[in-house]
């Protein structure tokens, strides 16, 4: 699997490893999914979710994370950038608290 990245997640004693194809230029929706299940969008955007969690843990400003991680310029599209940042970070947190279980079930 050339050019694929391996990600390892641990939460509450559970550990899962999976491979994803990293995207250098992310194509993100204006809002992340809100379903209570893992979606294809989630699977494709796991690296983005991880990067947003890292940025939040580092107390990076939201507009910087929107520009760098999501590829949305907050000076050009402030409402879209903020909406995308908030929804994708919320989804990333959902993935860490709940969504990872869906990954474990699909082994």
C-alpha atoms as a PDB file:
ATOM      1  CA  UNK A   1       0.000   0.000   0.000  1.00  0.00           C
ATOM      2  CA  UNK A   2       2.337   2.635  -1.283  1.00  0.00           C
ATOM      3  CA  UNK A   3       1.790   6.203   0.018  1.00  0.00           C
ATOM      4  CA  UNK A   4      -0.667   5.093   2.706  1.00  0.00           C
ATOM      5  CA  UNK A   5      -0.253   6.296   6.283  1.00  0.00           C
ATOM      6  CA  UNK A   6      -0.792   4.067   9.288  1.00  0.00           C
ATOM      7  CA  UNK A   7      -2.757   5.582  12.169  1.00  0.00           C
ATOM      8  CA  UNK A   8      -3.015   4.054  15.623  1.00  0.00           C
ATOM      9  CA  UNK A   9      -5.757   5.076  18.043  1.00  0.00           C
ATOM     10  CA  UNK A  10      -6.063   4.109  21.682  1.00  0.00           C
ATOM     11  CA  UNK A  11      -9.001   4.941  23.909  1.00  0.00           C
ATOM     12  CA  UNK A  12     -10.155   3.254  27.085  1.00  0.00           C
ATOM     13  CA  UNK A  13      -7.908   0.234  26.594  1.00  0.00           C
ATOM     14  CA  UNK A  14      -9.070  -0.408  23.036  1.00  0.00           C
ATOM     15  CA  UNK A  15      -6.536  -0.033  20.254  1.00  0.00           C
ATOM     16  CA  UNK A  16      -7.097   0.029  16.547  1.00  0.00           C
ATOM     17  CA  UNK A  17      -4.716   0.428  13.632  1.00  0.00           C
ATOM     18  CA  UNK A  18      -5.783   1.305  10.144  1.00  0.00           C
ATOM     19  CA  UNK A  19      -4.364   2.710   6.959  1.00  0.00           C
ATOM     20  CA  UNK A  20      -5.557   5.813   5.187  1.00  0.00           C
ATOM     21  CA  UNK A  21      -4.445   7.611   2.060  1.00  0.00           C
ATOM     22  CA  UNK A  22      -3.320  11.069   3.186  1.00  0.00           C
ATOM     23  CA  UNK A  23      -4.454  14.044   1.159  1.00  0.00           C
ATOM     24  CA  UNK A  24      -2.128  17.001   0.823  1.00  0.00           C
ATOM     25  CA  UNK A  25      -4.966  19.311  -0.169  1.00  0.00           C
ATOM     26  CA  UNK A  26      -8.028  18.370   1.849  1.00  0.00           C
ATOM     27  CA  UNK A  27     -11.428  18.710   0.257  1.00  0.00           C
ATOM     28  CA  UNK A  28     -13.761  19.367   3.141  1.00  0.00           C
ATOM     29  CA  UNK A  29     -17.487  19.951   3.245  1.00  0.00           C
ATOM     30  CA  UNK A  30     -18.868  23.096   4.819  1.00  0.00           C
ATOM     31  CA  UNK A  31     -20.029  20.931   7.715  1.00  0.00           C
ATOM     32  CA  UNK A  32     -18.930  17.517   8.966  1.00  0.00           C
ATOM     33  CA  UNK A  33     -21.454  14.665   9.297  1.00  0.00           C
ATOM     34  CA  UNK A  34     -23.610  14.473  12.414  1.00  0.00           C
ATOM     35  CA  UNK A  35     -24.873  10.883  12.113  1.00  0.00           C
ATOM     36  CA  UNK A  36     -24.422   8.584  15.095  1.00  0.00           C
ATOM     37  CA  UNK A  37     -22.554   6.150  12.846  1.00  0.00           C
ATOM     38  CA  UNK A  38     -19.257   6.141  11.011  1.00  0.00           C
ATOM     39  CA  UNK A  39     -19.594   7.486   7.469  1.00  0.00           C
ATOM     40  CA  UNK A  40     -17.459   7.225   4.360  1.00  0.00           C
ATOM     41  CA  UNK A  41     -16.722  10.936   4.837  1.00  0.00           C
ATOM     42  CA  UNK A  42     -15.356  10.162   8.320  1.00  0.00           C
ATOM     43  CA  UNK A  43     -13.113   7.409   6.990  1.00  0.00           C
ATOM     44  CA  UNK A  44     -11.752   9.680   4.274  1.00  0.00           C
ATOM     45  CA  UNK A  45     -11.167  12.559   6.688  1.00  0.00           C
ATOM     46  CA  UNK A  46      -9.598  10.765   9.671  1.00  0.00           C
ATOM     47  CA  UNK A  47      -6.220  12.474   9.136  1.00  0.00           C
ATOM     48  CA  UNK A  48      -7.971  15.856   9.160  1.00  0.00           C
ATOM     49  CA  UNK A  49      -9.777  14.983  12.386  1.00  0.00           C
ATOM     50  CA  UNK A  50      -6.480  13.967  14.000  1.00  0.00           C
ATOM     51  CA  UNK A  51      -4.788  17.181  12.878  1.00  0.00           C
ATOM     52  CA  UNK A  52      -7.655  19.280  14.268  1.00  0.00           C
ATOM     53  CA  UNK A  53      -7.441  17.489  17.615  1.00  0.00           C
ATOM     54  CA  UNK A  54      -3.686  18.136  17.695  1.00  0.00           C
ATOM     55  CA  UNK A  55      -4.239  21.812  16.877  1.00  0.00           C
ATOM     56  CA  UNK A  56      -6.895  22.148  19.591  1.00  0.00           C
ATOM     57  CA  UNK A  57      -4.633  20.434  22.132  1.00  0.00           C
ATOM     58  CA  UNK A  58      -1.891  22.925  21.211  1.00  0.00           C
ATOM     59  CA  UNK A  59      -4.341  25.832  21.669  1.00  0.00           C
ATOM     60  CA  UNK A  60      -3.872  26.893  18.058  1.00  0.00           C
ATOM     61  CA  UNK A  61      -6.230  29.676  16.970  1.00  0.00           C
ATOM     62  CA  UNK A  62      -9.273  28.363  15.111  1.00  0.00           C
ATOM     63  CA  UNK A  63      -8.575  30.537  12.064  1.00  0.00           C
ATOM     64  CA  UNK A  64      -5.046  29.167  11.760  1.00  0.00           C
ATOM     65  CA  UNK A  65      -6.346  25.580  11.952  1.00  0.00           C
ATOM     66  CA  UNK A  66      -9.034  26.359   9.378  1.00  0.00           C
ATOM     67  CA  UNK A  67      -6.425  27.728   6.992  1.00  0.00           C
ATOM     68  CA  UNK A  68      -3.781  25.038   7.477  1.00  0.00           C
ATOM     69  CA  UNK A  69      -5.804  21.892   8.189  1.00  0.00           C
ATOM     70  CA  UNK A  70      -9.060  22.518   6.347  1.00  0.00           C
ATOM     71  CA  UNK A  71      -7.641  24.586   3.503  1.00  0.00           C
ATOM     72  CA  UNK A  72     -10.225  27.370   3.968  1.00  0.00           C
ATOM     73  CA  UNK A  73      -9.048  30.982   4.114  1.00  0.00           C
ATOM     74  CA  UNK A  74     -10.864  32.644   7.041  1.00  0.00           C
ATOM     75  CA  UNK A  75     -10.127  36.119   5.713  1.00  0.00           C
ATOM     76  CA  UNK A  76     -11.910  35.315   2.446  1.00  0.00           C
ATOM     77  CA  UNK A  77     -14.689  33.094   3.847  1.00  0.00           C
ATOM     78  CA  UNK A  78     -14.960  33.756   7.600  1.00  0.00           C
ATOM     79  CA  UNK A  79     -18.418  32.212   8.133  1.00  0.00           C
ATOM     80  CA  UNK A  80     -17.648  29.093   6.107  1.00  0.00           C
ATOM     81  CA  UNK A  81     -14.255  28.693   7.790  1.00  0.00           C
ATOM     82  CA  UNK A  82     -15.689  28.965  11.307  1.00  0.00           C
ATOM     83  CA  UNK A  83     -18.637  26.642  10.532  1.00  0.00           C
ATOM     84  CA  UNK A  84     -16.328  24.033   8.966  1.00  0.00           C
ATOM     85  CA  UNK A  85     -13.808  24.293  11.806  1.00  0.00           C
ATOM     86  CA  UNK A  86     -16.448  23.951  14.546  1.00  0.00           C
ATOM     87  CA  UNK A  87     -18.271  21.047  12.915  1.00  0.00           C
ATOM     88  CA  UNK A  88     -15.124  19.117  11.981  1.00  0.00           C
ATOM     89  CA  UNK A  89     -13.610  19.561  15.443  1.00  0.00           C
ATOM     90  CA  UNK A  90     -16.878  18.406  17.020  1.00  0.00           C
ATOM     91  CA  UNK A  91     -16.858  15.369  14.724  1.00  0.00           C
ATOM     92  CA  UNK A  92     -13.230  14.651  15.579  1.00  0.00           C
ATOM     93  CA  UNK A  93     -14.146  14.667  19.272  1.00  0.00           C
ATOM     94  CA  UNK A  94     -17.114  12.381  18.550  1.00  0.00           C
ATOM     95  CA  UNK A  95     -14.732  10.019  16.753  1.00  0.00           C
ATOM     96  CA  UNK A  96     -12.444   9.884  19.794  1.00  0.00           C
ATOM     97  CA  UNK A  97     -15.334   9.307  22.203  1.00  0.00           C
ATOM     98  CA  UNK A  98     -17.655   7.093  20.139  1.00  0.00           C
ATOM     99  CA  UNK A  99     -16.764   6.658  16.474  1.00  0.00           C
ATOM    100  CA  UNK A 100     -13.610   4.647  17.086  1.00  0.00           C
ATOM    101  CA  UNK A 101     -15.833   1.791  18.283  1.00  0.00           C
ATOM    102  CA  UNK A 102     -17.296   1.572  14.790  1.00  0.00           C
ATOM    103  CA  UNK A 103     -13.773   1.132  13.443  1.00  0.00           C
ATOM    104  CA  UNK A 104     -13.196  -1.743  15.870  1.00  0.00           C
ATOM    105  CA  UNK A 105     -16.405  -3.467  14.784  1.00  0.00           C
ATOM    106  CA  UNK A 106     -15.432  -3.389  11.105  1.00  0.00           C
ATOM    107  CA  UNK A 107     -12.239  -5.443  11.506  1.00  0.00           C
END
